[in-house]
């Protein structure tokens, strides 16, 4: 299984359903929103998560988003992200 930080695992568990960036921040244990932002960017780079939609316009996004304005988007898991989630859940059951 891919080596992930505890925060990355926490974010992956939150992205079972599409989540807005501010909700991700409020639902993690990490108090630093910049750490959450950086970890989400890493998950996007690894193709485990992706921007889903622009919040204000509801325009669906694919791989394009403005990383300086991450709070304007919602995010979801990719197929690779769901595989990691499945592995995490199996590991937690043990």
C-alpha atoms as a PDB file:
ATOM      1  CA  UNK A   1       0.000   0.000   0.000  1.00  0.00           C
ATOM      2  CA  UNK A   2       1.100   3.568  -0.707  1.00  0.00           C
ATOM      3  CA  UNK A   3       2.797   5.323   2.217  1.00  0.00           C
ATOM      4  CA  UNK A   4       0.509   8.154   3.280  1.00  0.00           C
ATOM      5  CA  UNK A   5       0.537  10.554   6.185  1.00  0.00           C
ATOM      6  CA  UNK A   6      -2.233  10.366   8.764  1.00  0.00           C
ATOM      7  CA  UNK A   7      -3.652  13.601   7.372  1.00  0.00           C
ATOM      8  CA  UNK A   8      -3.715  12.190   3.829  1.00  0.00           C
ATOM      9  CA  UNK A   9      -5.559   9.120   5.089  1.00  0.00           C
ATOM     10  CA  UNK A  10      -8.020  11.336   6.919  1.00  0.00           C
ATOM     11  CA  UNK A  11      -8.672  13.393   3.780  1.00  0.00           C
ATOM     12  CA  UNK A  12      -9.171  10.262   1.679  1.00  0.00           C
ATOM     13  CA  UNK A  13     -11.737   8.996   4.192  1.00  0.00           C
ATOM     14  CA  UNK A  14     -13.589  12.330   3.896  1.00  0.00           C
ATOM     15  CA  UNK A  15     -13.705  12.220   0.111  1.00  0.00           C
ATOM     16  CA  UNK A  16     -15.992   9.199  -0.117  1.00  0.00           C
ATOM     17  CA  UNK A  17     -18.486  11.811  -1.282  1.00  0.00           C
ATOM     18  CA  UNK A  18     -17.708  15.115  -2.982  1.00  0.00           C
ATOM     19  CA  UNK A  19     -16.620  17.686  -0.375  1.00  0.00           C
ATOM     20  CA  UNK A  20     -15.996  21.412  -0.504  1.00  0.00           C
ATOM     21  CA  UNK A  21     -12.536  22.520   0.553  1.00  0.00           C
ATOM     22  CA  UNK A  22     -13.780  24.393   3.636  1.00  0.00           C
ATOM     23  CA  UNK A  23     -15.659  21.273   4.779  1.00  0.00           C
ATOM     24  CA  UNK A  24     -12.499  19.206   4.428  1.00  0.00           C
ATOM     25  CA  UNK A  25     -10.660  21.686   6.633  1.00  0.00           C
ATOM     26  CA  UNK A  26     -13.400  21.737   9.266  1.00  0.00           C
ATOM     27  CA  UNK A  27     -13.702  17.929   9.392  1.00  0.00           C
ATOM     28  CA  UNK A  28     -10.007  17.107   9.806  1.00  0.00           C
ATOM     29  CA  UNK A  29      -8.142  17.060  13.093  1.00  0.00           C
ATOM     30  CA  UNK A  30      -5.408  19.240  11.581  1.00  0.00           C
ATOM     31  CA  UNK A  31      -5.815  22.843  12.817  1.00  0.00           C
ATOM     32  CA  UNK A  32      -3.579  24.304  10.092  1.00  0.00           C
ATOM     33  CA  UNK A  33      -5.575  24.899   6.882  1.00  0.00           C
ATOM     34  CA  UNK A  34      -2.336  25.252   4.927  1.00  0.00           C
ATOM     35  CA  UNK A  35      -1.247  21.755   5.905  1.00  0.00           C
ATOM     36  CA  UNK A  36      -4.619  20.434   4.703  1.00  0.00           C
ATOM     37  CA  UNK A  37      -4.227  22.403   1.461  1.00  0.00           C
ATOM     38  CA  UNK A  38      -0.734  21.029   0.852  1.00  0.00           C
ATOM     39  CA  UNK A  39      -1.791  17.461   1.587  1.00  0.00           C
ATOM     40  CA  UNK A  40      -4.780  17.747  -0.748  1.00  0.00           C
ATOM     41  CA  UNK A  41      -2.474  19.094  -3.466  1.00  0.00           C
ATOM     42  CA  UNK A  42      -0.218  16.047  -2.948  1.00  0.00           C
ATOM     43  CA  UNK A  43      -3.209  13.734  -3.294  1.00  0.00           C
ATOM     44  CA  UNK A  44      -4.152  15.481  -6.538  1.00  0.00           C
ATOM     45  CA  UNK A  45      -0.590  15.135  -7.869  1.00  0.00           C
ATOM     46  CA  UNK A  46      -0.635  11.406  -7.003  1.00  0.00           C
ATOM     47  CA  UNK A  47      -3.994  11.117  -8.833  1.00  0.00           C
ATOM     48  CA  UNK A  48      -5.853  10.001  -5.687  1.00  0.00           C
ATOM     49  CA  UNK A  49      -8.144  13.053  -5.626  1.00  0.00           C
ATOM     50  CA  UNK A  50      -9.326  15.629  -8.129  1.00  0.00           C
ATOM     51  CA  UNK A  51     -11.258  18.877  -8.245  1.00  0.00           C
ATOM     52  CA  UNK A  52     -14.915  18.066  -8.880  1.00  0.00           C
ATOM     53  CA  UNK A  53     -16.701  21.394  -9.332  1.00  0.00           C
ATOM     54  CA  UNK A  54     -16.394  25.106  -8.894  1.00  0.00           C
ATOM     55  CA  UNK A  55     -18.653  25.933  -5.940  1.00  0.00           C
ATOM     56  CA  UNK A  56     -20.105  29.246  -7.070  1.00  0.00           C
ATOM     57  CA  UNK A  57     -20.889  28.268 -10.667  1.00  0.00           C
ATOM     58  CA  UNK A  58     -21.332  24.487 -10.200  1.00  0.00           C
ATOM     59  CA  UNK A  59     -19.206  24.016 -13.311  1.00  0.00           C
ATOM     60  CA  UNK A  60     -17.825  20.485 -13.298  1.00  0.00           C
ATOM     61  CA  UNK A  61     -14.035  20.345 -13.362  1.00  0.00           C
ATOM     62  CA  UNK A  62     -11.741  17.638 -14.551  1.00  0.00           C
ATOM     63  CA  UNK A  63      -8.081  18.209 -13.978  1.00  0.00           C
ATOM     64  CA  UNK A  64      -8.024  22.018 -14.099  1.00  0.00           C
ATOM     65  CA  UNK A  65      -8.345  24.247 -11.071  1.00  0.00           C
ATOM     66  CA  UNK A  66      -6.618  27.272  -9.575  1.00  0.00           C
ATOM     67  CA  UNK A  67      -4.444  25.972  -6.748  1.00  0.00           C
ATOM     68  CA  UNK A  68      -4.228  29.483  -5.300  1.00  0.00           C
ATOM     69  CA  UNK A  69      -8.018  29.464  -4.807  1.00  0.00           C
ATOM     70  CA  UNK A  70      -8.632  25.911  -3.618  1.00  0.00           C
ATOM     71  CA  UNK A  71     -11.474  27.071  -1.358  1.00  0.00           C
ATOM     72  CA  UNK A  72     -13.573  27.747  -4.472  1.00  0.00           C
ATOM     73  CA  UNK A  73     -13.778  24.065  -5.435  1.00  0.00           C
ATOM     74  CA  UNK A  74     -15.173  20.780  -4.246  1.00  0.00           C
ATOM     75  CA  UNK A  75     -13.075  17.625  -4.450  1.00  0.00           C
ATOM     76  CA  UNK A  76     -13.610  13.892  -4.837  1.00  0.00           C
ATOM     77  CA  UNK A  77     -11.598  10.690  -5.112  1.00  0.00           C
ATOM     78  CA  UNK A  78     -10.371   9.238  -8.382  1.00  0.00           C
ATOM     79  CA  UNK A  79     -10.436   5.523  -9.174  1.00  0.00           C
ATOM     80  CA  UNK A  80      -6.917   5.253  -7.708  1.00  0.00           C
ATOM     81  CA  UNK A  81      -8.150   7.108  -4.630  1.00  0.00           C
ATOM     82  CA  UNK A  82     -10.990   4.624  -4.148  1.00  0.00           C
ATOM     83  CA  UNK A  83      -8.468   1.775  -4.387  1.00  0.00           C
ATOM     84  CA  UNK A  84      -6.406   3.417  -1.629  1.00  0.00           C
ATOM     85  CA  UNK A  85      -9.600   3.905   0.406  1.00  0.00           C
ATOM     86  CA  UNK A  86     -10.436   0.221  -0.025  1.00  0.00           C
ATOM     87  CA  UNK A  87      -6.927  -0.736   1.154  1.00  0.00           C
ATOM     88  CA  UNK A  88      -7.253   1.614   4.164  1.00  0.00           C
ATOM     89  CA  UNK A  89     -10.582   0.090   5.161  1.00  0.00           C
ATOM     90  CA  UNK A  90      -9.184  -3.429   4.882  1.00  0.00           C
ATOM     91  CA  UNK A  91      -6.203  -2.397   7.027  1.00  0.00           C
ATOM     92  CA  UNK A  92      -8.491  -0.841   9.671  1.00  0.00           C
ATOM     93  CA  UNK A  93     -10.579  -4.028   9.898  1.00  0.00           C
ATOM     94  CA  UNK A  94      -7.521  -6.070  10.941  1.00  0.00           C
END
